[in-house]
Amino acid sequence: MDPTWLLRVVGHVLQAELVLFYGPHVDVSAFRSTRPEDGLYVGGETDITPSRLTEMLDELAVVEEGDAMPNWLRPAPDY
């Protein structure tokens, strides 16, 4: 499945990629550069609405201000 939209966010604290697919479905990966020991966080949602996508972006913005990762992002499994 090819993405329809890709957003890359790079800040002083947070780096994230959001990939929107038809469905609509969004996959997110995020990394806190100030805490590399935490590793990569991943998450996403299906049947996402424009307002929910805006909420998710707002939740990522507060991570840049020092807040914790949102609950919908979980540490990526080690393979």
Protein backbone atom coordinates (compact mmCIF):
# COMPACT_ATOMS: atom_id res chain seq x y z
CA MET A 1 0.00 0.00 0.00
CA ASP A 2 1.47 3.34 -1.08
CA PRO A 3 1.21 6.29 1.29
CA THR A 4 -0.87 9.26 0.21
CA TRP A 5 0.86 11.70 2.52
CA LEU A 6 4.08 11.85 4.54
CA LEU A 7 4.93 14.37 7.23
CA ARG A 8 8.36 14.53 8.81
CA VAL A 9 8.65 16.51 12.06
CA VAL A 10 12.12 17.47 13.30
CA GLY A 11 12.55 19.51 16.46
CA HIS A 12 15.15 19.89 19.19
CA VAL A 13 13.58 17.09 21.24
CA LEU A 14 11.36 15.08 18.90
CA GLN A 15 11.75 13.56 15.48
CA ALA A 16 8.68 11.89 14.00
CA GLU A 17 7.25 10.60 10.75
CA LEU A 18 3.55 10.33 10.08
CA VAL A 19 2.44 8.34 7.06
CA LEU A 20 -1.19 8.60 5.93
CA PHE A 21 -2.63 5.79 3.82
CA TYR A 22 -5.99 5.36 2.12
CA GLY A 23 -8.52 3.85 4.44
CA PRO A 24 -7.80 6.32 6.09
CA HIS A 25 -4.98 4.94 8.23
CA VAL A 26 -2.00 6.70 9.81
CA ASP A 27 1.26 5.12 11.00
CA VAL A 28 3.57 7.10 13.26
CA SER A 29 7.15 6.55 14.37
CA ALA A 30 8.82 8.93 16.81
CA PHE A 31 12.17 9.28 18.50
CA ARG A 32 13.18 11.59 21.33
CA SER A 33 16.71 12.78 20.47
CA THR A 34 17.24 13.95 24.05
CA ARG A 35 16.54 10.41 25.33
CA PRO A 36 18.06 8.01 22.79
CA GLU A 37 18.04 5.22 25.38
CA ASP A 38 14.22 5.17 25.10
CA GLY A 39 14.46 4.05 21.48
CA LEU A 40 11.81 4.33 18.81
CA TYR A 41 8.10 4.70 19.53
CA VAL A 42 5.44 3.51 17.08
CA GLY A 43 1.68 3.74 16.80
CA GLY A 44 -1.17 4.59 14.54
CA GLU A 45 -4.89 4.56 13.99
CA THR A 46 -7.39 3.40 11.40
CA ASP A 47 -10.46 5.34 10.22
CA ILE A 48 -8.74 8.55 11.25
CA THR A 49 -10.61 11.84 10.86
CA PRO A 50 -9.04 15.22 10.05
CA SER A 51 -9.76 16.43 13.59
CA ARG A 52 -8.14 13.34 15.15
CA LEU A 53 -5.07 13.80 12.97
CA THR A 54 -4.85 17.39 14.22
CA GLU A 55 -5.13 16.13 17.82
CA MET A 56 -2.30 13.67 17.21
CA LEU A 57 -0.08 16.43 15.81
CA ASP A 58 -0.90 18.62 18.83
CA GLU A 59 0.00 15.74 21.17
CA LEU A 60 3.36 15.36 19.41
CA ALA A 61 3.96 19.11 19.71
CA VAL A 62 3.80 18.97 23.51
CA VAL A 63 6.48 16.24 23.51
CA GLU A 64 8.77 18.87 21.99
CA GLU A 65 7.98 20.99 25.08
CA GLY A 66 9.08 18.19 27.42
CA ASP A 67 5.88 16.19 28.00
CA ALA A 68 5.74 12.40 27.82
CA MET A 69 4.99 10.51 24.63
CA PRO A 70 1.24 10.21 23.94
CA ASN A 71 -0.48 6.98 25.07
CA TRP A 72 -1.12 5.92 21.46
CA LEU A 73 2.65 5.61 20.91
CA ARG A 74 4.37 2.56 22.37
CA PRO A 75 8.03 1.54 22.45
CA ALA A 76 8.87 -0.37 19.28
CA PRO A 77 9.52 -4.07 19.82
CA ASP A 78 13.11 -5.28 19.59
CA TYR A 79 13.66 -7.71 16.76
